[in-house]
């Protein structure tokens, strides 16, 4: 499966979706917590218009008493951009962040391992005065009709059928299943990732 590759150095707006604690294999007695920050990415179309294309970017940070925040410029940058209450090494101050908090960011070149674009810059963003256009479909909705997939990609149903036929041998049941009536349903998140490839 492929990742979406963002334009390097271009400013994007991003809205925090959630802060999710992640499992960590270190000693449970250590005061450390791995947190995943999930953002919906918005294209800045002009000076006052933001539009979501459905892309999500996630970043993992480690927070806790053992993190030397005075020497961790990366953690400080996220804390400042997201306006995390002090002290920033307390997990509760991160997990209390409200969804919907906005930042502006730029992406760096894709990493060799994993292939994702790291955040090159991150700073606070004020969405007041901006018109925000949300993505038309819930990308967490797994199985959709050919028409919904075509609308999501912005192409014809016949193009979706041809592409699905070409991809089915490689991705099989991960990508396509058929209803009892024989109608195809497409796994939209998987299809969007493959389509972007």
Foldseek 3Di string as FASTA:
>chain_A
DFAFADDFPAKKKKWWAAKAWDDDDPDPPAFKTKIKTKIFIWDCPDDAETEGLRHMDIDIDMAGPPDPVVPCVPQVQVCQQQVFDPPSRDPVSRRPRDTGFMKMFGWHAADPPPRYTHTPHIHHDDNPRHHYHYQPDDLVPFWDALVVLCVSVVHDSVVSVVVCVVCCVPCPPNAWDADPVGGIIGGNNVVVRVVSD
